[in-house]
Amino acid sequence: MRYNFHRWKYRVIDKATGQSLGFLAASFNALGLYGASSSGGVAPLNVTFRSSPCDFASQQQDLFAFNAPNDNYRNVVAISSTETNVNLATGSPNYLYIGGGAHTDPGSTPQALADNSYTFTTSLPASWESAIWTYSRINNELTAQWVNDNGSLPTTILARLNDALVLIGDITAFEAVLGPVQLLQLFFVPTPV
């Protein structure tokens, strides 16, 4: 099968208002995580992914960052916020960070090696997955699908917690513990090569 390779940057949108919050920044915060930046002084993260021209929604895949802040962590990955329970579920406040990491295959369960930007920055153990992203050719939206350690596919919702992007499984349970979050959507914007 022939694939198209794309080079894009992420536009971060407030899901409730439709307002642009800028682009995913090509820098890590103090914990080694990605966040949105509306500042003109911060370069947007430029990524590539593959999609089949026959698919409107492509299979789960990696996002590779051309201008990642750390060359060792070029894949945009979901990273567990705790090592004791890496699962998203209804009734659970668990969440995942968005950072950089090594490759995992589509459908892989969380990897418990130290190959991610959060663990590198904080020295705290954290599991991660990389091939979680699905791209829609209909509207250029990018969505994530985490795979729990038992292979189940939980609801996976993108949000912003302080200055970091996170994935959560249950908004109500999350907000009861950590407070309100801003729900987000990611859309790709072409980047000149």
Protein backbone atom coordinates (compact mmCIF):
# COMPACT_ATOMS: atom_id res chain seq x y z
CA MET A 1 0.00 0.00 0.00
CA ARG A 2 1.26 3.48 -0.83
CA TYR A 3 1.28 6.07 1.95
CA ASN A 4 1.38 9.85 1.94
CA PHE A 5 3.84 11.40 4.36
CA HIS A 6 2.75 14.75 5.73
CA ARG A 7 4.55 17.52 7.59
CA TRP A 8 2.30 19.55 9.87
CA LYS A 9 2.09 21.54 13.08
CA TYR A 10 -0.67 21.20 15.70
CA ARG A 11 -3.22 23.96 16.23
CA VAL A 12 -4.65 23.62 19.75
CA ILE A 13 -8.36 24.53 19.98
CA ASP A 14 -10.56 25.07 23.03
CA LYS A 15 -13.30 22.49 22.44
CA ALA A 16 -16.01 24.56 24.18
CA THR A 17 -15.40 27.87 22.37
CA GLY A 18 -13.58 26.88 19.18
CA GLN A 19 -10.92 29.49 20.02
CA SER A 20 -7.34 28.82 18.95
CA LEU A 21 -4.89 28.60 21.83
CA GLY A 22 -1.88 28.65 19.51
CA PHE A 23 0.25 25.70 18.49
CA LEU A 24 1.85 22.82 20.32
CA ALA A 25 5.21 24.32 21.30
CA ALA A 26 8.52 22.82 20.20
CA SER A 27 9.75 22.93 23.78
CA PHE A 28 9.27 20.90 26.94
CA ASN A 29 8.10 22.41 30.20
CA ALA A 30 9.99 21.85 33.49
CA LEU A 31 8.67 18.24 33.64
CA GLY A 32 9.66 17.32 30.08
CA LEU A 33 6.11 17.70 28.68
CA TYR A 34 4.50 19.50 25.76
CA GLY A 35 2.07 22.40 26.13
CA ALA A 36 0.30 24.90 23.90
CA SER A 37 1.93 28.25 23.21
CA SER A 38 0.29 31.33 21.77
CA SER A 39 3.57 33.23 22.04
CA GLY A 40 5.09 34.28 18.76
CA GLY A 41 8.54 33.67 20.24
CA VAL A 42 8.09 29.91 20.67
CA ALA A 43 8.39 27.79 17.53
CA PRO A 44 5.57 25.31 16.83
CA LEU A 45 6.38 21.61 16.90
CA ASN A 46 6.63 20.28 13.32
CA VAL A 47 5.59 16.65 12.95
CA THR A 48 5.16 14.02 10.29
CA PHE A 49 2.89 10.99 10.18
CA ARG A 50 1.69 8.63 7.52
CA SER A 51 -1.78 8.10 6.21
CA SER A 52 -3.19 6.04 3.40
CA PRO A 53 -4.88 8.08 0.66
CA CYS A 54 -7.68 5.48 0.74
CA ASP A 55 -8.50 6.04 4.43
CA PHE A 56 -10.55 8.90 5.84
CA ALA A 57 -9.39 7.93 9.32
CA SER A 58 -5.97 6.36 9.31
CA GLN A 59 -4.76 3.65 11.63
CA GLN A 60 -3.08 4.51 14.91
CA GLN A 61 0.41 5.75 14.25
CA ASP A 62 3.41 7.63 15.58
CA LEU A 63 3.91 11.35 15.26
CA PHE A 64 7.57 12.12 14.59
CA ALA A 65 8.79 15.61 15.56
CA PHE A 66 11.35 17.18 13.23
CA ASN A 67 12.22 19.89 15.74
CA ALA A 68 11.79 17.98 19.00
CA PRO A 69 13.45 19.66 22.00
CA ASN A 70 15.43 16.46 22.66
CA ASP A 71 16.70 14.34 19.74
CA ASN A 72 16.34 11.17 21.82
CA TYR A 73 12.56 11.69 22.19
CA ARG A 74 11.25 12.56 18.73
CA ASN A 75 7.94 10.67 18.92
CA VAL A 76 4.99 12.54 20.47
CA VAL A 77 3.80 10.09 23.14
CA ALA A 78 1.34 9.67 26.00
CA ILE A 79 3.11 9.17 29.35
CA SER A 80 1.50 7.84 32.53
CA SER A 81 1.26 10.30 35.40
CA THR A 82 1.73 7.47 37.89
CA GLU A 83 3.46 4.13 37.66
CA THR A 84 1.05 2.39 40.04
CA ASN A 85 -1.96 2.50 37.69
CA VAL A 86 -1.44 3.35 34.02
CA ASN A 87 -5.08 2.76 32.98
CA LEU A 88 -7.76 5.25 31.99
CA ALA A 89 -11.29 4.24 33.06
CA THR A 90 -14.75 5.49 33.98
CA GLY A 91 -14.69 6.56 37.64
CA SER A 92 -10.90 6.99 37.67
CA PRO A 93 -9.06 10.33 37.93
CA ASN A 94 -5.98 8.84 36.18
CA TYR A 95 -4.45 10.88 33.39
CA LEU A 96 -1.57 10.82 30.93
CA TYR A 97 0.89 13.52 29.95
CA ILE A 98 1.90 14.37 26.37
CA GLY A 99 5.68 14.36 25.93
CA GLY A 100 8.42 12.78 23.88
CA GLY A 101 9.51 9.17 23.76
CA ALA A 102 10.62 6.12 21.84
CA HIS A 103 8.48 4.13 19.39
CA THR A 104 5.81 1.58 20.37
CA ASP A 105 3.76 -0.44 17.90
CA PRO A 106 0.08 0.37 17.29
CA GLY A 107 -2.08 -1.44 19.85
CA SER A 108 0.83 -1.88 22.27
CA THR A 109 0.14 -1.78 25.97
CA PRO A 110 2.10 0.72 28.13
CA GLN A 111 5.87 0.32 28.02
CA ALA A 112 7.62 0.58 31.39
CA LEU A 113 11.11 1.48 30.22
CA ALA A 114 12.71 4.86 30.94
CA ASP A 115 12.59 5.93 27.29
CA ASN A 116 10.49 9.11 27.61
CA SER A 117 11.06 12.83 28.23
CA TYR A 118 9.20 12.91 31.57
CA THR A 119 11.33 10.15 33.11
CA PHE A 120 14.50 11.68 31.62
CA THR A 121 13.66 15.09 33.12
CA THR A 122 12.27 14.07 36.52
CA SER A 123 13.93 10.65 37.12
CA LEU A 124 10.44 9.34 37.99
CA PRO A 125 9.38 6.04 36.36
CA ALA A 126 6.53 6.34 33.85
CA SER A 127 5.08 4.09 31.16
CA TRP A 128 4.29 5.42 27.70
CA GLU A 129 2.84 4.64 24.26
CA SER A 130 3.65 6.34 20.96
CA ALA A 131 1.41 4.88 18.22
CA ILE A 132 -1.80 6.29 19.71
CA TRP A 133 -2.64 8.97 17.13
CA THR A 134 -5.36 8.84 14.48
CA TYR A 135 -5.69 11.46 11.76
CA SER A 136 -8.96 12.40 10.04
CA ARG A 137 -8.61 13.49 6.41
CA ILE A 138 -12.15 14.89 6.60
CA ASN A 139 -11.33 17.73 9.00
CA ASN A 140 -7.57 17.38 9.77
CA GLU A 141 -8.33 16.53 13.40
CA LEU A 142 -5.89 14.45 15.38
CA THR A 143 -7.24 12.20 18.14
CA ALA A 144 -5.57 9.85 20.61
CA GLN A 145 -6.44 6.32 21.73
CA TRP A 146 -4.64 4.96 24.80
CA VAL A 147 -4.43 1.19 25.25
CA ASN A 148 -4.78 0.04 28.88
CA ASP A 149 -2.41 -2.60 30.25
CA ASN A 150 -5.11 -5.29 29.72
CA GLY A 151 -5.48 -4.32 26.04
CA SER A 152 -8.81 -2.49 26.48
CA LEU A 153 -9.44 0.81 24.67
CA PRO A 154 -10.75 3.44 27.11
CA THR A 155 -12.34 6.77 26.33
CA THR A 156 -9.40 9.11 25.72
CA ILE A 157 -10.07 12.86 26.07
CA LEU A 158 -7.54 15.62 25.37
CA ALA A 159 -7.36 18.46 27.91
CA ARG A 160 -5.03 21.07 29.34
CA LEU A 161 -3.91 20.91 32.97
CA ASN A 162 -1.92 24.02 33.91
CA ASP A 163 0.74 24.29 31.19
CA ALA A 164 0.67 20.65 30.05
CA LEU A 165 -1.52 18.71 27.63
CA VAL A 166 -3.07 15.61 29.18
CA LEU A 167 -5.28 12.69 28.21
CA ILE A 168 -8.05 11.69 30.62
CA GLY A 169 -10.64 8.92 30.66
CA ASP A 170 -13.34 10.41 32.92
CA ILE A 171 -13.77 14.19 33.11
CA THR A 172 -15.95 14.14 36.24
CA ALA A 173 -13.63 11.86 38.23
CA PHE A 174 -10.56 13.82 37.11
CA GLU A 175 -12.03 17.25 37.97
CA ALA A 176 -13.23 15.99 41.39
CA VAL A 177 -9.58 15.35 42.33
CA LEU A 178 -7.55 17.87 40.30
CA GLY A 179 -10.02 20.65 39.53
CA PRO A 180 -11.40 22.01 36.25
CA VAL A 181 -9.63 21.37 32.97
CA GLN A 182 -9.93 22.90 29.54
CA LEU A 183 -11.05 20.34 26.94
CA LEU A 184 -9.09 20.57 23.70
CA GLN A 185 -8.95 19.44 20.10
CA LEU A 186 -5.88 19.20 17.88
CA PHE A 187 -5.99 20.14 14.21
CA PHE A 188 -3.16 19.97 11.72
CA VAL A 189 -2.00 22.95 9.72
CA PRO A 190 0.38 22.35 6.77
CA THR A 191 3.99 23.36 7.32
CA PRO A 192 6.12 24.38 4.33
CA VAL A 193 9.05 22.00 3.85
